[in-house]
């Protein structure tokens, strides 16, 4: 799975986007053990991966809601770009957690194109979050970022 994150980082670099930092393998392994890492497989090949969280107080702070589902780090195998996996993931999340109040996610505030992409899927902007690199318990890939917080009602 880590190779897909590396591929996404390379895509971000090549296209002049903000880049994820290298992901901690221990963090990804823990998410797999906790059954929070998911994948979409096509013909035996991993086409897309993403992570789910059931709470996100580091980013959502006072808006954090345990009755929401949080999607993180959607990374698509470049071979499968443009296949609409965001819509697939949203519908899957709605079925998995029909009693959730919101599906939530975040992205870089500066990436207006990606924000617009998520808005087309029905997300709305819930707010913004500025992260300090000194923030306690903050994964490295979030260090010193300004994020836009997005949500949609289930």
Protein backbone atom coordinates (compact mmCIF):
# COMPACT_ATOMS: atom_id res chain seq x y z
CA UNK A 1 0.00 0.00 0.00
CA UNK A 2 2.83 2.38 0.78
CA UNK A 3 3.87 2.26 -2.90
CA UNK A 4 0.55 3.90 -3.83
CA UNK A 5 1.23 6.72 -1.38
CA UNK A 6 4.67 7.13 -2.93
CA UNK A 7 3.07 7.22 -6.38
CA UNK A 8 0.65 9.89 -5.21
CA UNK A 9 3.54 11.94 -3.80
CA UNK A 10 5.37 11.68 -7.13
CA UNK A 11 2.21 12.77 -9.00
CA UNK A 12 1.89 15.75 -6.64
CA UNK A 13 5.52 16.75 -7.28
CA UNK A 14 5.24 16.40 -11.06
CA UNK A 15 2.10 18.53 -11.17
CA UNK A 16 3.25 21.31 -8.83
CA UNK A 17 0.80 20.46 -6.04
CA UNK A 18 1.51 20.49 -2.33
CA UNK A 19 3.08 17.17 -1.47
CA UNK A 20 2.35 14.65 1.21
CA UNK A 21 5.34 13.79 3.34
CA UNK A 22 6.47 10.17 3.42
CA UNK A 23 4.00 8.16 5.48
CA UNK A 24 5.10 6.35 8.59
CA UNK A 25 4.94 2.60 7.87
CA UNK A 26 4.06 1.93 11.51
CA UNK A 27 1.06 4.27 11.23
CA UNK A 28 -0.17 2.51 8.08
CA UNK A 29 0.40 -0.92 9.71
CA UNK A 30 -1.58 0.17 12.76
CA UNK A 31 -4.46 1.38 10.56
CA UNK A 32 -4.49 -1.98 8.78
CA UNK A 33 -4.61 -3.83 12.12
CA UNK A 34 -7.43 -1.54 13.25
CA UNK A 35 -9.28 -2.28 9.98
CA UNK A 36 -9.28 1.40 9.01
CA UNK A 37 -7.25 1.06 5.78
CA UNK A 38 -9.34 0.08 2.77
CA UNK A 39 -8.61 -0.71 -0.84
CA UNK A 40 -10.39 -0.98 -4.15
CA UNK A 41 -9.11 -3.93 -6.18
CA UNK A 42 -9.56 -4.37 -9.94
CA UNK A 43 -8.48 -7.62 -11.58
CA UNK A 44 -6.34 -8.50 -8.57
CA UNK A 45 -4.52 -5.16 -8.59
CA UNK A 46 -4.89 -2.44 -5.94
CA UNK A 47 -6.47 0.49 -7.77
CA UNK A 48 -7.11 2.83 -4.84
CA UNK A 49 -6.49 3.00 -1.10
CA UNK A 50 -7.91 5.20 1.63
CA UNK A 51 -8.17 5.41 5.39
CA UNK A 52 -11.19 5.84 7.64
CA UNK A 53 -11.30 7.46 11.08
CA UNK A 54 -14.19 7.58 13.52
CA UNK A 55 -13.13 10.82 15.14
CA UNK A 56 -10.65 13.53 14.16
CA UNK A 57 -10.12 16.03 17.00
CA UNK A 58 -6.67 17.12 15.77
CA UNK A 59 -8.18 18.63 12.63
CA UNK A 60 -11.84 19.19 13.41
CA UNK A 61 -11.29 20.39 16.99
CA UNK A 62 -14.60 21.63 18.47
CA UNK A 63 -16.47 20.41 15.36
CA UNK A 64 -15.26 16.83 15.90
CA UNK A 65 -18.25 14.53 16.01
CA UNK A 66 -18.15 10.85 16.92
CA UNK A 67 -21.28 10.41 14.78
CA UNK A 68 -19.29 11.22 11.63
CA UNK A 69 -16.99 9.19 9.42
CA UNK A 70 -13.71 10.75 8.32
CA UNK A 71 -12.02 9.81 5.03
CA UNK A 72 -8.27 10.32 4.74
CA UNK A 73 -5.46 9.83 2.24
CA UNK A 74 -7.30 8.67 -0.87
CA UNK A 75 -4.53 7.53 -3.22
CA UNK A 76 -5.24 6.13 -6.66
CA UNK A 77 -2.95 3.94 -8.73
CA UNK A 78 -2.07 6.14 -11.74
CA UNK A 79 -3.24 3.33 -14.06
CA UNK A 80 -6.78 3.86 -12.71
CA UNK A 81 -6.96 7.68 -12.52
CA UNK A 82 -10.30 9.11 -13.61
CA UNK A 83 -12.35 6.04 -12.68
CA UNK A 84 -14.54 7.93 -10.19
CA UNK A 85 -13.30 6.24 -7.03
CA UNK A 86 -14.30 9.23 -4.91
CA UNK A 87 -17.94 8.55 -5.75
CA UNK A 88 -17.47 4.83 -5.11
CA UNK A 89 -15.92 5.56 -1.70
CA UNK A 90 -18.72 7.98 -0.76
CA UNK A 91 -21.44 5.46 -1.63
CA UNK A 92 -19.57 2.71 0.20
CA UNK A 93 -19.26 4.92 3.31
CA UNK A 94 -22.99 5.73 3.19
CA UNK A 95 -23.80 2.01 3.16
CA UNK A 96 -21.22 1.09 5.80
CA UNK A 97 -22.31 3.82 8.24
CA UNK A 98 -25.96 4.68 7.42
CA UNK A 99 -26.45 6.17 10.90
CA UNK A 100 -23.52 8.58 10.58
CA UNK A 101 -24.42 12.25 10.49
CA UNK A 102 -21.62 13.35 8.14
CA UNK A 103 -18.93 12.04 5.84
CA UNK A 104 -15.95 14.32 6.33
CA UNK A 105 -12.58 14.87 4.74
CA UNK A 106 -9.88 17.51 4.41
CA UNK A 107 -7.44 18.75 1.81
CA UNK A 108 -4.92 21.55 1.42
CA UNK A 109 -6.66 24.92 1.49
CA UNK A 110 -4.43 26.15 -1.37
CA UNK A 111 -5.55 23.34 -3.68
CA UNK A 112 -8.65 25.01 -5.07
CA UNK A 113 -8.99 22.49 -7.91
CA UNK A 114 -9.16 19.53 -5.52
CA UNK A 115 -11.56 21.42 -3.24
CA UNK A 116 -13.81 22.15 -6.27
CA UNK A 117 -13.60 18.46 -7.24
CA UNK A 118 -14.89 17.40 -3.80
CA UNK A 119 -17.60 20.08 -3.86
CA UNK A 120 -18.90 18.53 -7.11
CA UNK A 121 -19.43 15.28 -5.19
CA UNK A 122 -21.69 17.06 -2.71
CA UNK A 123 -19.27 18.14 0.00
CA UNK A 124 -19.54 21.61 1.49
CA UNK A 125 -16.88 23.64 3.24
CA UNK A 126 -17.27 23.35 7.01
CA UNK A 127 -14.25 25.49 7.89
CA UNK A 128 -10.49 25.80 7.81
CA UNK A 129 -7.73 24.53 10.06
CA UNK A 130 -4.18 25.85 10.44
CA UNK A 131 -1.80 23.26 11.85
CA UNK A 132 1.41 24.09 13.65
CA UNK A 133 4.42 21.83 13.23
CA UNK A 134 4.74 21.67 17.01
CA UNK A 135 1.19 20.32 17.52
CA UNK A 136 1.16 17.31 19.82
CA UNK A 137 0.24 13.93 18.27
CA UNK A 138 0.26 15.40 14.76
CA UNK A 139 1.39 12.95 12.05
CA UNK A 140 4.35 14.28 10.06
CA UNK A 141 2.34 14.58 6.84
CA UNK A 142 0.14 17.27 8.49
CA UNK A 143 2.98 19.46 9.76
CA UNK A 144 2.44 23.22 9.17
CA UNK A 145 -0.53 22.92 6.80
CA UNK A 146 -3.62 25.02 6.25
CA UNK A 147 -6.51 22.70 5.48
CA UNK A 148 -10.05 23.11 4.21
CA UNK A 149 -12.51 20.91 6.11
CA UNK A 150 -15.22 19.35 3.95
CA UNK A 151 -18.38 17.50 4.91
CA UNK A 152 -21.58 16.08 3.46
CA UNK A 153 -24.69 14.88 5.21
CA UNK A 154 -25.30 11.14 5.01
